[in-house]
Amino acid sequence: MNNIPKVSLEDSLYVLQLARETALAQNRQTQAKRMTPLVEEMRGLVANPPQTTTPPSTGVMGQSDFKTLLNISQEKVGQQNQSTDSITSVLERNRLIGAMSEANMSDVDIARQFSMSREEVQLVLSFQKNR
C-alpha cells in the first residue's frame, strides 16, 4: 500500500463519497451507513499518506564490522587538519573507495557514503585500475 500514488487515493475517496451520497439520495440508509467507516478511513489516508521507508542496506553495507570500520575512517578524516592535509584526505578517500569496491560494494552505495556522484566514484575506480 506504500506504493499507491496520492492521486489514486484521492480518486478512490471521491468515488466512495459519491457512492455514499448516492445511497443517501436514494434513501438507502443501511448501505450509506456501511460505507461511512470506509469513507472516513480513506479521508485519513488522503490527509496523511503512508510514509515510504528506505530498506536497510544489504550486503557489505549491512554488516556491523564494516560500519565500524567506516565510522573509524570517517572520524580520522574529520580530525585531519584541512589546510595541510587536504591532499592526504583526498588520497585516503580514494583509498577507501577502492577498498569498498574490492569488498563488492556497489558504486551507488559508495557514492552515497561519500556524498558524491556515481560518476566520480567510477572515475576514481578507473584511475586506480589503470595505475
N, C-alpha and C. Protein backbone atom coordinates (compact mmCIF):
# COMPACT_ATOMS: atom_id res chain seq x y z
N MET A 1 0.81 -1.19 0.00
CA MET A 1 0.00 0.00 0.00
C MET A 1 0.86 1.25 0.00
N ASN A 2 2.14 1.11 0.32
CA ASN A 2 3.03 2.27 0.33
C ASN A 2 3.25 2.83 -1.06
N ASN A 3 2.99 2.03 -2.10
CA ASN A 3 3.28 2.47 -3.45
C ASN A 3 2.08 3.09 -4.15
N ILE A 4 0.97 3.31 -3.44
CA ILE A 4 -0.22 3.88 -4.05
C ILE A 4 -0.04 5.39 -4.17
N PRO A 5 -0.13 5.93 -5.40
CA PRO A 5 0.01 7.38 -5.57
C PRO A 5 -1.14 8.12 -4.89
N LYS A 6 -0.86 9.32 -4.42
CA LYS A 6 -1.87 10.13 -3.73
C LYS A 6 -3.06 10.41 -4.63
N VAL A 7 -2.82 10.57 -5.94
CA VAL A 7 -3.90 10.84 -6.88
C VAL A 7 -4.89 9.68 -6.88
N SER A 8 -4.39 8.45 -6.85
CA SER A 8 -5.27 7.28 -6.83
C SER A 8 -6.08 7.24 -5.54
N LEU A 9 -5.46 7.58 -4.42
CA LEU A 9 -6.19 7.61 -3.15
C LEU A 9 -7.30 8.65 -3.19
N GLU A 10 -6.99 9.83 -3.73
CA GLU A 10 -8.00 10.89 -3.81
C GLU A 10 -9.15 10.48 -4.72
N ASP A 11 -8.82 9.89 -5.87
CA ASP A 11 -9.87 9.45 -6.79
C ASP A 11 -10.75 8.39 -6.14
N SER A 12 -10.13 7.46 -5.43
CA SER A 12 -10.91 6.41 -4.74
C SER A 12 -11.82 7.03 -3.68
N LEU A 13 -11.31 8.02 -2.97
CA LEU A 13 -12.13 8.70 -1.96
C LEU A 13 -13.33 9.38 -2.61
N TYR A 14 -13.12 10.05 -3.74
CA TYR A 14 -14.22 10.73 -4.42
C TYR A 14 -15.28 9.73 -4.88
N VAL A 15 -14.86 8.58 -5.40
CA VAL A 15 -15.81 7.56 -5.85
C VAL A 15 -16.61 7.02 -4.66
N LEU A 16 -15.92 6.76 -3.55
CA LEU A 16 -16.62 6.26 -2.36
C LEU A 16 -17.60 7.30 -1.81
N GLN A 17 -17.18 8.56 -1.78
CA GLN A 17 -18.08 9.62 -1.30
C GLN A 17 -19.31 9.73 -2.20
N LEU A 18 -19.08 9.63 -3.51
CA LEU A 18 -20.19 9.71 -4.46
C LEU A 18 -21.15 8.54 -4.27
N ALA A 19 -20.60 7.34 -4.08
CA ALA A 19 -21.45 6.17 -3.86
C ALA A 19 -22.26 6.32 -2.57
N ARG A 20 -21.63 6.83 -1.53
CA ARG A 20 -22.33 7.03 -0.25
C ARG A 20 -23.43 8.08 -0.39
N GLU A 21 -23.10 9.19 -1.05
CA GLU A 21 -24.10 10.25 -1.24
C GLU A 21 -25.26 9.77 -2.12
N THR A 22 -24.95 8.94 -3.10
CA THR A 22 -26.00 8.38 -3.96
C THR A 22 -26.92 7.48 -3.14
N ALA A 23 -26.32 6.66 -2.27
CA ALA A 23 -27.13 5.79 -1.41
C ALA A 23 -28.03 6.62 -0.51
N LEU A 24 -27.50 7.72 0.03
CA LEU A 24 -28.32 8.59 0.87
C LEU A 24 -29.45 9.24 0.07
N ALA A 25 -29.13 9.67 -1.16
CA ALA A 25 -30.13 10.32 -2.00
C ALA A 25 -31.24 9.35 -2.40
N GLN A 26 -30.89 8.07 -2.53
CA GLN A 26 -31.89 7.07 -2.91
C GLN A 26 -32.54 6.43 -1.68
N ASN A 27 -32.31 7.03 -0.52
CA ASN A 27 -32.92 6.61 0.74
C ASN A 27 -32.52 5.18 1.13
N ARG A 28 -31.26 4.81 0.85
CA ARG A 28 -30.73 3.51 1.28
C ARG A 28 -29.78 3.77 2.45
N GLN A 29 -30.35 4.00 3.61
CA GLN A 29 -29.60 4.37 4.80
C GLN A 29 -28.62 3.29 5.24
N THR A 30 -29.02 2.03 5.17
CA THR A 30 -28.13 0.94 5.62
C THR A 30 -26.87 0.87 4.77
N GLN A 31 -27.03 1.01 3.48
CA GLN A 31 -25.86 0.96 2.59
C GLN A 31 -24.96 2.17 2.86
N ALA A 32 -25.52 3.33 3.05
CA ALA A 32 -24.73 4.53 3.33
C ALA A 32 -24.02 4.40 4.66
N LYS A 33 -24.69 3.79 5.64
CA LYS A 33 -24.10 3.62 6.97
C LYS A 33 -22.90 2.67 6.90
N ARG A 34 -22.99 1.63 6.08
CA ARG A 34 -21.87 0.69 5.93
C ARG A 34 -20.67 1.34 5.24
N MET A 35 -20.92 2.31 4.39
CA MET A 35 -19.83 2.96 3.66
C MET A 35 -19.14 4.05 4.48
N THR A 36 -19.78 4.56 5.50
CA THR A 36 -19.23 5.67 6.29
C THR A 36 -17.85 5.37 6.86
N PRO A 37 -17.61 4.21 7.52
CA PRO A 37 -16.26 3.96 8.05
C PRO A 37 -15.19 3.90 6.96
N LEU A 38 -15.57 3.34 5.81
CA LEU A 38 -14.63 3.25 4.70
C LEU A 38 -14.26 4.64 4.17
N VAL A 39 -15.25 5.51 4.05
CA VAL A 39 -15.01 6.88 3.59
C VAL A 39 -14.11 7.61 4.58
N GLU A 40 -14.36 7.44 5.88
CA GLU A 40 -13.54 8.09 6.91
C GLU A 40 -12.10 7.59 6.86
N GLU A 41 -11.93 6.29 6.68
CA GLU A 41 -10.58 5.71 6.58
C GLU A 41 -9.84 6.27 5.36
N MET A 42 -10.53 6.38 4.24
CA MET A 42 -9.91 6.92 3.03
C MET A 42 -9.55 8.40 3.22
N ARG A 43 -10.39 9.14 3.92
CA ARG A 43 -10.07 10.55 4.20
C ARG A 43 -8.77 10.65 5.00
N GLY A 44 -8.63 9.75 5.97
CA GLY A 44 -7.40 9.73 6.76
C GLY A 44 -6.18 9.40 5.92
N LEU A 45 -6.33 8.46 4.99
CA LEU A 45 -5.20 8.11 4.12
C LEU A 45 -4.82 9.25 3.18
N VAL A 46 -5.83 9.94 2.67
CA VAL A 46 -5.55 11.06 1.76
C VAL A 46 -4.90 12.21 2.53
N ALA A 47 -5.38 12.46 3.75
CA ALA A 47 -4.82 13.56 4.55
C ALA A 47 -3.41 13.25 5.01
N ASN A 48 -3.13 12.01 5.38
CA ASN A 48 -1.81 11.60 5.87
C ASN A 48 -1.36 10.36 5.11
N PRO A 49 -0.81 10.53 3.90
CA PRO A 49 -0.39 9.36 3.14
C PRO A 49 0.71 8.60 3.88
N PRO A 50 0.75 7.28 3.74
CA PRO A 50 1.78 6.50 4.43
C PRO A 50 3.17 6.90 3.97
N GLN A 51 4.10 6.97 4.91
CA GLN A 51 5.47 7.35 4.61
C GLN A 51 6.23 6.14 4.10
N THR A 52 6.92 6.32 3.00
CA THR A 52 7.73 5.23 2.49
C THR A 52 9.06 5.24 3.21
N THR A 53 9.55 4.07 3.51
CA THR A 53 10.83 3.96 4.19
C THR A 53 11.82 3.27 3.28
N THR A 54 13.05 3.69 3.39
CA THR A 54 14.11 3.08 2.62
C THR A 54 14.55 1.81 3.34
N PRO A 55 14.61 0.70 2.62
CA PRO A 55 15.04 -0.53 3.29
C PRO A 55 16.49 -0.42 3.73
N PRO A 56 16.84 -1.09 4.82
CA PRO A 56 18.23 -1.02 5.28
C PRO A 56 19.18 -1.62 4.25
N SER A 57 20.39 -1.13 4.25
CA SER A 57 21.39 -1.60 3.30
C SER A 57 21.65 -3.09 3.52
N THR A 58 21.84 -3.76 2.41
CA THR A 58 22.14 -5.19 2.49
C THR A 58 23.57 -5.41 2.03
N GLY A 59 24.05 -6.59 2.18
CA GLY A 59 25.40 -6.92 1.74
C GLY A 59 26.43 -6.32 2.66
N VAL A 60 27.48 -5.79 2.08
CA VAL A 60 28.60 -5.25 2.85
C VAL A 60 28.14 -4.10 3.74
N MET A 61 27.25 -3.25 3.23
CA MET A 61 26.80 -2.08 4.00
C MET A 61 26.04 -2.47 5.27
N GLY A 62 25.40 -3.62 5.28
CA GLY A 62 24.63 -4.02 6.44
C GLY A 62 25.44 -4.68 7.54
N GLN A 63 26.68 -4.98 7.28
CA GLN A 63 27.50 -5.68 8.27
C GLN A 63 28.01 -4.70 9.31
N SER A 64 27.92 -5.10 10.58
CA SER A 64 28.30 -4.19 11.66
C SER A 64 29.80 -3.90 11.67
N ASP A 65 30.63 -4.91 11.35
CA ASP A 65 32.08 -4.66 11.36
C ASP A 65 32.48 -3.68 10.27
N PHE A 66 31.80 -3.73 9.13
CA PHE A 66 32.10 -2.79 8.06
C PHE A 66 31.69 -1.38 8.47
N LYS A 67 30.53 -1.26 9.13
CA LYS A 67 30.08 0.05 9.59
C LYS A 67 31.06 0.63 10.61
N THR A 68 31.58 -0.23 11.49
CA THR A 68 32.55 0.22 12.48
C THR A 68 33.80 0.74 11.80
N LEU A 69 34.30 -0.02 10.83
CA LEU A 69 35.49 0.39 10.08
C LEU A 69 35.24 1.71 9.36
N LEU A 70 34.08 1.84 8.75
CA LEU A 70 33.75 3.07 8.04
C LEU A 70 33.67 4.26 9.00
N ASN A 71 33.06 4.07 10.15
CA ASN A 71 32.96 5.15 11.14
C ASN A 71 34.34 5.58 11.63
N ILE A 72 35.21 4.62 11.88
CA ILE A 72 36.57 4.95 12.33
C ILE A 72 37.30 5.75 11.26
N SER A 73 37.20 5.30 10.02
CA SER A 73 37.90 6.00 8.94
C SER A 73 37.34 7.41 8.74
N GLN A 74 36.03 7.57 8.89
CA GLN A 74 35.44 8.89 8.74
C GLN A 74 35.82 9.81 9.90
N GLU A 75 35.96 9.26 11.09
CA GLU A 75 36.41 10.06 12.23
C GLU A 75 37.83 10.57 12.00
N LYS A 76 38.69 9.69 11.46
CA LYS A 76 40.07 10.10 11.20
C LYS A 76 40.12 11.19 10.14
N VAL A 77 39.29 11.06 9.11
CA VAL A 77 39.25 12.08 8.07
C VAL A 77 38.76 13.39 8.66
N GLY A 78 37.77 13.34 9.57
CA GLY A 78 37.24 14.54 10.20
C GLY A 78 38.22 15.22 11.12
N GLN A 79 39.16 14.46 11.68
CA GLN A 79 40.12 15.02 12.62
C GLN A 79 41.32 15.67 11.93
N GLN A 80 41.50 15.40 10.67
CA GLN A 80 42.67 15.93 9.97
C GLN A 80 42.59 17.44 9.82
N ASN A 81 43.75 18.05 9.84
CA ASN A 81 43.84 19.49 9.62
C ASN A 81 43.60 19.76 8.14
N GLN A 82 42.61 20.57 7.81
CA GLN A 82 42.20 20.75 6.42
C GLN A 82 43.21 21.54 5.60
N SER A 83 43.95 22.43 6.19
CA SER A 83 44.84 23.27 5.40
C SER A 83 46.02 22.48 4.84
N THR A 84 46.65 21.64 5.63
CA THR A 84 47.84 20.92 5.17
C THR A 84 47.53 19.50 4.73
N ASP A 85 46.44 18.96 5.18
CA ASP A 85 46.15 17.56 4.90
C ASP A 85 45.08 17.35 3.84
N SER A 86 44.76 18.37 3.05
CA SER A 86 43.70 18.20 2.06
C SER A 86 44.07 17.14 1.02
N ILE A 87 45.32 17.11 0.60
CA ILE A 87 45.76 16.10 -0.36
C ILE A 87 45.71 14.72 0.28
N THR A 88 46.14 14.63 1.52
CA THR A 88 46.12 13.36 2.23
C THR A 88 44.69 12.85 2.38
N SER A 89 43.76 13.75 2.68
CA SER A 89 42.37 13.31 2.87
C SER A 89 41.76 12.82 1.55
N VAL A 90 42.12 13.46 0.44
CA VAL A 90 41.63 13.01 -0.86
C VAL A 90 42.20 11.63 -1.17
N LEU A 91 43.49 11.44 -0.90
CA LEU A 91 44.10 10.14 -1.14
C LEU A 91 43.47 9.07 -0.25
N GLU A 92 43.21 9.42 1.00
CA GLU A 92 42.56 8.49 1.93
C GLU A 92 41.15 8.14 1.45
N ARG A 93 40.41 9.15 0.99
CA ARG A 93 39.07 8.91 0.47
C ARG A 93 39.12 7.98 -0.74
N ASN A 94 40.06 8.24 -1.65
CA ASN A 94 40.19 7.40 -2.84
C ASN A 94 40.58 5.97 -2.46
N ARG A 95 41.44 5.83 -1.44
CA ARG A 95 41.83 4.50 -0.99
C ARG A 95 40.62 3.76 -0.42
N LEU A 96 39.80 4.48 0.35
CA LEU A 96 38.59 3.87 0.91
C LEU A 96 37.60 3.47 -0.18
N ILE A 97 37.49 4.30 -1.21
CA ILE A 97 36.60 3.96 -2.33
C ILE A 97 37.07 2.67 -2.98
N GLY A 98 38.38 2.54 -3.18
CA GLY A 98 38.92 1.31 -3.76
C GLY A 98 38.67 0.10 -2.87
N ALA A 99 38.85 0.28 -1.57
CA ALA A 99 38.63 -0.83 -0.63
C ALA A 99 37.16 -1.25 -0.61
N MET A 100 36.27 -0.28 -0.66
CA MET A 100 34.84 -0.60 -0.67
C MET A 100 34.46 -1.33 -1.95
N SER A 101 35.04 -0.92 -3.06
CA SER A 101 34.76 -1.57 -4.33
C SER A 101 35.28 -3.01 -4.32
N GLU A 102 36.47 -3.22 -3.75
CA GLU A 102 37.02 -4.57 -3.66
C GLU A 102 36.18 -5.45 -2.74
N ALA A 103 35.46 -4.85 -1.81
CA ALA A 103 34.58 -5.60 -0.92
C ALA A 103 33.21 -5.82 -1.57
N ASN A 104 33.13 -5.61 -2.89
CA ASN A 104 31.92 -5.81 -3.69
C ASN A 104 30.77 -4.88 -3.31
N MET A 105 31.12 -3.69 -2.91
CA MET A 105 30.10 -2.68 -2.62
C MET A 105 29.75 -1.98 -3.93
N SER A 106 28.48 -1.70 -4.15
CA SER A 106 28.07 -1.09 -5.41
C SER A 106 28.51 0.37 -5.49
N ASP A 107 28.63 0.86 -6.72
CA ASP A 107 29.02 2.26 -6.96
C ASP A 107 28.04 3.22 -6.30
N VAL A 108 26.77 2.87 -6.34
CA VAL A 108 25.74 3.75 -5.78
C VAL A 108 25.91 3.87 -4.27
N ASP A 109 26.16 2.73 -3.58
CA ASP A 109 26.34 2.77 -2.13
C ASP A 109 27.60 3.55 -1.75
N ILE A 110 28.66 3.37 -2.52
CA ILE A 110 29.91 4.11 -2.24
C ILE A 110 29.66 5.61 -2.42
N ALA A 111 29.00 5.97 -3.50
CA ALA A 111 28.72 7.39 -3.76
C ALA A 111 27.86 7.98 -2.65
N ARG A 112 26.91 7.22 -2.16
CA ARG A 112 26.04 7.69 -1.08
C ARG A 112 26.85 7.93 0.19
N GLN A 113 27.80 7.05 0.48
CA GLN A 113 28.61 7.17 1.70
C GLN A 113 29.47 8.43 1.68
N PHE A 114 29.97 8.80 0.51
CA PHE A 114 30.88 9.93 0.41
C PHE A 114 30.20 11.19 -0.12
N SER A 115 28.89 11.14 -0.29
CA SER A 115 28.13 12.29 -0.80
C SER A 115 28.71 12.80 -2.10
N MET A 116 28.92 11.88 -3.01
CA MET A 116 29.45 12.25 -4.32
C MET A 116 28.64 11.53 -5.38
N SER A 117 28.84 11.91 -6.64
CA SER A 117 28.09 11.27 -7.71
C SER A 117 28.69 9.91 -8.05
N ARG A 118 27.88 9.11 -8.68
CA ARG A 118 28.32 7.77 -9.10
C ARG A 118 29.46 7.89 -10.12
N GLU A 119 29.38 8.90 -10.96
CA GLU A 119 30.42 9.10 -11.97
C GLU A 119 31.77 9.40 -11.33
N GLU A 120 31.77 10.17 -10.23
CA GLU A 120 33.02 10.46 -9.53
C GLU A 120 33.63 9.18 -8.96
N VAL A 121 32.78 8.32 -8.42
CA VAL A 121 33.26 7.05 -7.89
C VAL A 121 33.86 6.22 -9.02
N GLN A 122 33.17 6.15 -10.15
CA GLN A 122 33.67 5.37 -11.28
C GLN A 122 34.98 5.95 -11.81
N LEU A 123 35.12 7.27 -11.78
CA LEU A 123 36.36 7.91 -12.21
C LEU A 123 37.52 7.51 -11.30
N VAL A 124 37.29 7.55 -9.99
CA VAL A 124 38.34 7.17 -9.03
C VAL A 124 38.72 5.71 -9.24
N LEU A 125 37.72 4.84 -9.42
CA LEU A 125 37.99 3.41 -9.59
C LEU A 125 38.73 3.14 -10.90
N SER A 126 38.37 3.85 -11.97
CA SER A 126 39.07 3.63 -13.24
C SER A 126 40.51 4.14 -13.16
N PHE A 127 40.72 5.23 -12.42
CA PHE A 127 42.08 5.73 -12.22
C PHE A 127 42.92 4.71 -11.46
N GLN A 128 42.35 4.13 -10.41
CA GLN A 128 43.07 3.13 -9.62
C GLN A 128 43.34 1.87 -10.43
N LYS A 129 42.42 1.53 -11.31
CA LYS A 129 42.57 0.33 -12.13
C LYS A 129 43.71 0.51 -13.14
N ASN A 130 43.86 1.73 -13.67
CA ASN A 130 44.88 2.00 -14.69
C ASN A 130 46.26 2.21 -14.10
N ARG A 131 46.37 2.35 -12.80
CA ARG A 131 47.67 2.57 -12.17
C ARG A 131 48.49 1.34 -12.13
